[in-house]
Protein backbone atom coordinates (compact mmCIF):
# COMPACT_ATOMS: atom_id res chain seq x y z
CA MET A 1 0.00 0.00 0.00
CA LYS A 2 1.26 3.47 -0.86
CA TYR A 3 1.34 6.26 1.69
CA SER A 4 -1.11 8.23 -0.44
CA ASP A 5 -3.55 5.30 -0.55
CA ARG A 6 -4.21 5.20 3.20
CA LYS A 7 -7.76 5.65 4.39
CA LYS A 8 -9.23 7.83 7.11
CA ALA A 9 -9.06 6.48 10.66
CA VAL A 10 -10.37 7.73 14.01
CA LEU A 11 -9.46 7.25 17.65
CA MET A 12 -11.92 7.80 20.48
CA LEU A 13 -11.24 7.50 24.20
CA SER A 14 -13.72 6.45 26.86
CA ASP A 15 -13.90 10.04 28.13
CA GLY A 16 -15.11 11.18 24.69
CA SER A 17 -11.81 12.59 23.39
CA PHE A 18 -11.76 12.23 19.60
CA PHE A 19 -8.90 12.24 17.08
CA GLU A 20 -8.85 11.91 13.29
CA GLY A 21 -5.90 10.58 11.30
CA LEU A 22 -4.88 8.04 8.67
CA SER A 23 -5.09 4.26 8.84
CA ILE A 24 -2.06 2.00 9.31
CA GLY A 25 -1.99 -1.77 9.43
CA ALA A 26 -5.22 -3.65 8.81
CA ILE A 27 -8.52 -1.97 8.00
CA GLY A 28 -11.04 -2.51 10.77
CA THR A 29 -11.86 -1.67 14.38
CA THR A 30 -10.09 -2.48 17.64
CA THR A 31 -10.42 -1.64 21.33
CA GLY A 32 -8.16 -1.84 24.38
CA GLU A 33 -6.64 0.04 27.27
CA MET A 34 -4.64 3.05 26.11
CA CYS A 35 -1.00 3.08 27.14
CA PHE A 36 2.15 4.83 25.94
CA ASN A 37 5.80 3.82 25.63
CA THR A 38 8.59 6.41 25.74
CA GLY A 39 11.28 4.27 24.06
CA MET A 40 12.96 5.69 20.96
CA THR A 41 13.94 2.26 19.59
CA GLY A 42 12.72 -1.32 19.74
CA TYR A 43 9.20 -1.01 18.38
CA GLN A 44 9.21 -4.61 17.11
CA GLU A 45 10.14 -5.98 20.52
CA ILE A 46 7.50 -3.78 22.17
CA PHE A 47 4.72 -4.78 19.77
CA THR A 48 5.46 -8.52 20.28
CA ASP A 49 5.77 -8.38 24.10
CA PRO A 50 2.89 -10.46 25.56
CA SER A 51 2.68 -8.04 28.49
CA TYR A 52 0.94 -5.62 26.10
CA SER A 53 -1.96 -7.97 25.38
CA GLY A 54 -5.25 -6.07 25.46
CA GLN A 55 -3.61 -2.67 25.16
CA VAL A 56 -3.58 -0.01 22.45
CA MET A 57 -0.01 1.27 22.18
CA VAL A 58 0.82 4.95 21.74
CA THR A 59 4.45 5.56 20.79
CA THR A 60 5.93 8.86 21.96
CA HIS A 61 8.80 8.72 19.46
CA THR A 62 7.75 10.60 16.33
CA HIS A 63 8.96 8.13 13.66
CA ILE A 64 7.85 4.49 13.73
CA GLY A 65 8.54 1.84 11.09
CA ASN A 66 11.67 3.40 9.61
CA TYR A 67 13.87 0.31 10.03
CA GLY A 68 11.28 -2.34 9.19
CA ILE A 69 11.03 -5.77 10.80
CA HIS A 70 13.93 -8.13 11.56
CA ALA A 71 13.45 -11.90 11.64
CA ASP A 72 15.18 -12.36 15.03
CA GLU A 73 13.81 -9.41 17.02
CA SER A 74 10.35 -10.58 18.06
CA GLU A 75 9.70 -11.34 21.72
CA SER A 76 6.92 -13.83 20.96
CA GLY A 77 5.33 -15.58 17.99
CA ARG A 78 2.95 -12.77 17.09
CA VAL A 79 2.08 -9.11 17.54
CA GLN A 80 0.51 -8.77 20.99
CA ILE A 81 -0.75 -5.18 21.10
CA ALA A 82 -4.45 -4.59 20.45
CA GLY A 83 -3.83 -1.52 18.31
CA LEU A 84 -1.24 1.13 17.44
CA VAL A 85 -1.20 4.95 17.55
CA VAL A 86 1.75 6.89 16.08
CA LYS A 87 2.62 10.37 14.85
CA ASN A 88 4.68 9.66 11.69
CA PHE A 89 4.51 6.20 10.13
CA SER A 90 7.13 4.96 7.67
CA MET A 91 5.86 2.67 4.91
CA LEU A 92 9.43 1.63 4.05
CA GLY A 93 12.02 -0.09 6.24
CA SER A 94 15.52 1.16 5.41
CA ARG A 95 17.56 -1.58 7.13
CA VAL A 96 19.30 -3.98 4.75
CA ASP A 97 18.31 -7.12 6.67
CA SER A 98 14.69 -6.08 7.20
CA VAL A 99 12.43 -8.94 6.05
CA ILE A 100 9.20 -6.91 5.73
CA ASP A 101 8.04 -3.34 6.27
CA LEU A 102 5.99 -2.55 9.37
CA GLN A 103 2.83 -1.91 7.34
CA GLY A 104 2.93 -5.41 5.87
CA TYR A 105 3.77 -6.89 9.27
CA LEU A 106 0.79 -5.25 10.95
CA GLU A 107 -1.47 -6.35 8.09
CA GLN A 108 -0.24 -9.95 8.45
CA HIS A 109 -1.20 -9.91 12.12
CA GLY A 110 -4.49 -8.06 11.67
CA ILE A 111 -3.46 -5.07 13.78
CA VAL A 112 -5.51 -1.89 13.30
CA GLY A 113 -3.75 1.43 13.82
CA ILE A 114 -3.85 5.16 13.26
CA SER A 115 -1.17 7.73 12.40
CA ASP A 116 -0.89 11.45 11.77
CA ILE A 117 -2.47 12.54 15.04
CA ASP A 118 -0.99 14.72 17.78
CA THR A 119 0.50 11.98 19.96
CA ARG A 120 2.11 14.55 22.24
CA ALA A 121 -1.31 15.96 23.13
CA LEU A 122 -2.68 12.41 23.53
CA VAL A 123 0.10 11.33 25.89
CA ARG A 124 -0.25 14.50 27.97
CA HIS A 125 -3.97 13.74 28.25
CA LEU A 126 -3.35 10.14 29.37
CA ARG A 127 -0.72 11.27 31.87
CA SER A 128 -3.11 13.73 33.46
CA GLN A 129 -6.37 11.76 33.22
CA GLY A 130 -4.96 8.27 33.74
CA ALA A 131 -5.41 4.94 31.99
CA MET A 132 -8.63 4.54 30.02
CA ASN A 133 -9.97 2.44 27.18
CA GLY A 134 -9.96 3.54 23.57
CA ILE A 135 -11.19 2.48 20.15
CA ILE A 136 -9.50 2.83 16.75
CA SER A 137 -11.44 2.38 13.55
CA SER A 138 -10.77 2.78 9.85
CA SER A 139 -14.21 1.41 8.91
CA ILE A 140 -16.65 2.97 11.43
CA PHE A 141 -16.81 6.73 11.91
CA ASP A 142 -20.14 7.29 13.64
CA GLN A 143 -19.37 8.37 17.20
CA ALA A 144 -22.52 6.84 18.66
CA GLU A 145 -21.64 3.44 17.19
CA LEU A 146 -18.03 3.78 18.36
CA THR A 147 -19.26 4.59 21.88
CA THR A 148 -21.38 1.45 21.94
CA LEU A 149 -18.47 -0.73 20.81
CA LEU A 150 -16.09 0.89 23.28
CA SER A 151 -18.46 0.33 26.18
CA ALA A 152 -18.08 -3.44 25.65
CA CYS A 153 -14.29 -3.26 26.15
CA PRO A 154 -13.38 -4.73 29.58
CA ASP A 155 -11.42 -2.75 32.16
CA MET A 156 -7.89 -4.01 32.85
CA ASP A 157 -8.55 -3.79 36.59
CA GLY A 158 -9.58 -7.32 37.61
CA LEU A 159 -8.81 -8.82 34.18
CA GLU A 160 -6.83 -12.08 34.04
CA LEU A 161 -4.88 -12.28 30.76
CA ALA A 162 -1.81 -14.36 31.62
CA SER A 163 -3.41 -17.72 30.87
CA ARG A 164 -4.61 -16.38 27.50
CA VAL A 165 -1.13 -15.46 26.25
CA SER A 166 0.69 -18.39 27.88
CA THR A 167 1.98 -21.32 25.88
CA ALA A 168 -0.57 -24.10 25.30
CA ALA A 169 2.02 -26.84 25.89
CA ALA A 170 5.35 -27.01 27.70
CA TYR A 171 8.53 -26.61 25.62
CA THR A 172 12.27 -26.41 26.26
CA PHE A 173 14.90 -23.78 25.47
CA GLY A 174 18.67 -24.02 25.56
CA ALA A 175 21.13 -26.93 25.61
CA GLU A 176 19.78 -30.07 27.25
CA ASP A 177 23.20 -30.86 28.72
CA ALA A 178 23.49 -27.42 30.38
CA PRO A 179 24.56 -27.63 34.04
CA LEU A 180 21.43 -25.93 35.41
CA ARG A 181 17.74 -26.65 34.87
CA ILE A 182 15.01 -24.05 35.33
CA ALA A 183 11.24 -24.54 35.45
CA ALA A 184 9.72 -21.33 34.09
CA LEU A 185 6.04 -20.42 34.45
CA ASP A 186 4.90 -18.61 31.32
CA TYR A 187 2.56 -15.73 32.16
CA GLY A 188 3.65 -14.01 28.91
CA ILE A 189 7.37 -14.73 28.78
CA LYS A 190 9.69 -12.78 26.46
CA THR A 191 12.15 -14.65 24.26
CA ASN A 192 15.12 -12.60 25.43
CA ILE A 193 14.56 -13.76 28.99
CA LEU A 194 15.07 -17.32 27.77
CA ARG A 195 18.14 -16.27 25.77
CA SER A 196 19.58 -14.53 28.83
CA LEU A 197 19.18 -17.64 30.97
CA ALA A 198 20.43 -20.06 28.30
CA ALA A 199 23.53 -17.91 27.75
CA ARG A 200 24.38 -18.48 31.43
CA GLY A 201 24.34 -22.25 31.23
CA CYS A 202 20.66 -22.95 31.86
CA TYR A 203 18.30 -25.44 30.24
CA ILE A 204 14.78 -24.08 30.61
CA LYS A 205 11.45 -25.83 30.43
CA VAL A 206 8.64 -23.34 29.90
CA PHE A 207 5.31 -24.40 31.36
CA PRO A 208 1.76 -23.08 30.78
CA ALA A 209 0.65 -20.52 33.36
CA LYS A 210 -1.73 -22.86 35.19
CA THR A 211 0.62 -25.85 35.41
CA ALA A 212 0.34 -27.79 38.68
CA PHE A 213 3.32 -27.58 41.00
CA ALA A 214 3.86 -31.35 40.82
CA ASP A 215 4.47 -31.08 37.07
CA LEU A 216 7.05 -28.33 37.62
CA GLN A 217 8.76 -30.40 40.27
CA ALA A 218 8.88 -33.46 37.99
CA PHE A 219 11.36 -31.59 35.76
CA ALA A 220 13.79 -31.70 38.71
CA PRO A 221 14.81 -28.05 38.32
CA ASN A 222 17.64 -26.31 40.14
CA GLY A 223 15.48 -23.18 40.27
CA TYR A 224 12.15 -21.68 39.31
CA PHE A 225 11.30 -18.60 37.26
CA LEU A 226 8.11 -16.48 37.20
CA SER A 227 7.74 -14.51 33.97
CA ASN A 228 6.34 -11.15 32.98
CA GLY A 229 2.84 -10.96 31.56
CA PRO A 230 -0.37 -8.91 31.16
CA GLY A 231 -3.37 -8.32 33.35
CA ASP A 232 -4.19 -7.91 37.02
CA PRO A 233 -2.15 -10.06 39.45
CA ALA A 234 -5.04 -9.94 41.93
CA ALA A 235 -7.02 -12.08 39.47
CA MET A 236 -4.48 -14.94 39.71
CA PRO A 237 -4.94 -16.69 43.11
CA TRP A 238 -3.97 -20.00 41.48
CA ALA A 239 -0.55 -18.54 40.65
CA VAL A 240 -0.06 -17.47 44.28
CA ASP A 241 -0.79 -21.03 45.45
CA THR A 242 1.85 -22.41 43.07
CA VAL A 243 4.44 -19.89 44.25
CA LEU A 244 3.82 -20.85 47.89
CA SER A 245 4.52 -24.47 46.98
CA ILE A 246 7.72 -23.45 45.16
CA LEU A 247 8.94 -21.50 48.20
CA GLU A 248 8.50 -24.56 50.39
CA THR A 249 11.12 -26.41 48.31
CA GLY A 250 13.83 -23.96 49.36
CA LYS A 251 15.11 -23.77 45.79
CA PRO A 252 15.99 -20.42 44.17
CA LEU A 253 13.12 -18.43 42.69
CA PHE A 254 13.33 -15.35 40.43
CA GLY A 255 10.37 -13.28 39.27
CA ILE A 256 10.11 -10.47 36.72
CA CYS A 257 7.28 -7.92 36.39
CA LEU A 258 4.02 -9.88 36.77
CA GLY A 259 6.10 -12.66 38.34
CA HIS A 260 7.36 -10.09 40.86
CA GLN A 261 3.78 -9.07 41.67
CA ILE A 262 2.70 -12.70 42.14
CA LEU A 263 5.63 -13.39 44.51
CA CYS A 264 4.72 -10.29 46.52
CA ARG A 265 1.09 -11.34 46.74
CA ALA A 266 2.27 -14.76 47.97
CA MET A 267 4.02 -12.84 50.76
CA GLY A 268 0.76 -11.12 51.71
CA ILE A 269 1.63 -7.81 50.01
CA SER A 270 -1.08 -6.08 47.98
CA THR A 271 -0.96 -4.79 44.42
CA PHE A 272 -2.81 -1.90 42.80
CA LYS A 273 -3.69 -0.41 39.40
CA MET A 274 -1.38 2.48 38.56
CA HIS A 275 -2.59 5.85 37.31
CA HIS A 276 -0.87 5.45 33.93
CA GLY A 277 1.89 2.87 34.41
CA HIS A 278 5.60 2.70 33.57
CA ARG A 279 6.47 1.88 29.96
CA GLY A 280 9.78 2.78 28.38
CA ILE A 281 13.51 2.08 28.40
CA ASN A 282 14.85 4.93 30.52
CA HIS A 283 13.40 4.48 34.03
CA PRO A 284 15.95 5.08 36.82
CA VAL A 285 15.99 2.50 39.63
CA LYS A 286 18.18 2.42 42.75
CA ASN A 287 19.52 -0.86 44.13
CA LEU A 288 19.32 -0.34 47.89
CA LEU A 289 21.72 -3.23 48.55
CA THR A 290 24.58 -1.75 46.54
CA GLY A 291 23.67 1.93 46.50
CA ARG A 292 24.05 1.95 42.73
CA SER A 293 21.46 3.16 40.24
CA GLU A 294 20.55 1.60 36.91
CA ILE A 295 18.55 2.68 33.88
CA THR A 296 15.85 0.11 33.26
CA SER A 297 13.33 -1.14 30.73
CA GLN A 298 9.80 -1.20 32.13
CA ASN A 299 6.31 -2.23 31.11
CA HIS A 300 3.65 -2.48 33.79
CA GLY A 301 0.30 -0.95 34.65
CA PHE A 302 0.03 -2.58 38.09
CA ALA A 303 2.46 -2.21 40.99
CA VAL A 304 3.16 -3.58 44.46
CA SER A 305 2.28 -1.54 47.56
CA MET A 306 5.42 0.06 48.98
CA GLU A 307 3.64 0.63 52.30
CA ASP A 308 2.77 -3.07 52.62
CA ALA A 309 6.27 -4.17 51.61
CA GLN A 310 7.99 -1.86 54.11
CA ALA A 311 5.70 -3.08 56.88
CA SER A 312 6.21 -6.74 56.00
CA THR A 313 8.39 -9.01 58.13
CA ARG A 314 8.65 -11.49 55.25
CA VAL A 315 10.47 -9.41 52.60
CA ASP A 316 13.15 -6.77 52.28
CA VAL A 317 12.73 -3.93 49.78
CA THR A 318 15.77 -4.07 47.45
CA HIS A 319 14.98 -1.62 44.63
CA ILE A 320 13.01 1.63 44.30
CA ASN A 321 12.00 3.79 41.34
CA LEU A 322 13.81 7.13 41.42
CA ASN A 323 11.08 8.92 39.46
CA ASP A 324 8.14 8.26 41.76
CA GLY A 325 9.42 6.15 44.68
CA THR A 326 7.42 3.05 43.73
CA LEU A 327 8.58 -0.45 44.64
CA GLU A 328 10.89 -2.06 42.08
CA GLY A 329 12.31 -5.13 43.82
CA ILE A 330 12.13 -7.40 46.89
CA ALA A 331 13.96 -10.32 48.46
CA VAL A 332 12.18 -12.92 50.57
CA ILE A 333 13.69 -13.12 54.05
CA GLY A 334 15.13 -16.57 54.81
CA LYS A 335 14.54 -17.88 51.28
CA PRO A 336 16.61 -17.77 48.06
CA ALA A 337 13.81 -15.88 46.32
CA PHE A 338 13.78 -12.40 44.81
CA SER A 339 11.98 -10.39 42.15
CA VAL A 340 12.02 -7.09 40.28
CA GLN A 341 9.28 -5.04 38.69
CA TYR A 342 11.34 -4.10 35.65
CA HIS A 343 12.87 -6.06 32.74
CA PRO A 344 16.57 -6.99 33.13
CA GLU A 345 16.56 -8.81 29.78
CA SER A 346 16.22 -5.30 28.30
CA SER A 347 14.82 -6.02 24.87
CA PRO A 348 14.68 -3.18 24.08
CA GLY A 349 16.65 -1.13 26.58
CA PRO A 350 19.98 -0.74 28.38
CA HIS A 351 21.87 -3.69 29.87
CA ASP A 352 22.42 -2.21 33.35
CA SER A 353 20.28 -4.84 35.09
CA ARG A 354 21.47 -8.07 33.53
CA TYR A 355 23.46 -8.80 36.68
CA LEU A 356 20.18 -10.10 38.12
CA PHE A 357 20.42 -13.19 35.89
CA ASP A 358 23.96 -13.74 37.19
CA GLN A 359 22.60 -13.41 40.74
CA PHE A 360 19.95 -16.07 40.04
CA VAL A 361 22.51 -18.45 38.50
CA ALA A 362 24.83 -17.92 41.48
CA MET A 363 22.00 -18.89 43.83
CA MET A 364 21.41 -22.12 41.92
CA ASN A 365 25.11 -22.94 41.93
């Protein structure tokens, strides 16, 4: 499709805010929770991150699509976002080893999007008003009909999505003769997490989100991993039960993002829906154990209560966000178990936090 051939598209938010632009991706209609990512690179990794399931992505960087799609840079087997909103959209990917342009990629995956709107104004609105649902359409333009369709979109608060994006069957990753074995629960796991563990001498078996503890234990792992993923951790009591069983084994446990929230809930610490979430690759976090700060990659709309964690006798707070003081990491007292809210596999993002994988491997050794 040529740039000049694109059709009209509209975006409407649940508070009635209305934007007109041009269609990108597939022609159609989509709904989801509006969120924005401040990263300047890594759009392919962001779009394929299962943690974004059910969300309409707004990119704050002004140019999206300019380097196309690379065969090895997806974080899952498909595009996970519900829709896409950008300022300037490139129909051509300039990178030599690009396998397809972003327009064709979005069409392949049936993703509806809109470009040529004032994303700066949109992001400022979401920052001030908070997370809300939205609808994009390049086929329906009547606002009354759009309102009706948008009203059927579920709120993220209370929504369980991890089991929907999880693998349907267990699979393995890495060298079978690796010295360490990890049982990983897939709540929406990213491929670069598996690469990061395999590169450190781990053989990983990835299990569906609702796998019984006995099946995890049958793999005879040296440690357990709780992955990132979408949705509300409070809607996953079955995951908390599994984590409690894992902790009783005394074997090392590492959780990232949603996995961090599940571990905290297993420790009796509450979680909450954030005003507009943390999504980007430049969030400063302080490691309270070392006194050092790191720039991190983040993607979460729920967080763990700092007040509950500080009052707990079961965990130590290990990391805090330097932008807003929110909780970014904990360690379970008396157990080889820890977790962080951010993404140390950093795909995309800086590599400041990859020491956490080394820490997990050291625990298992």
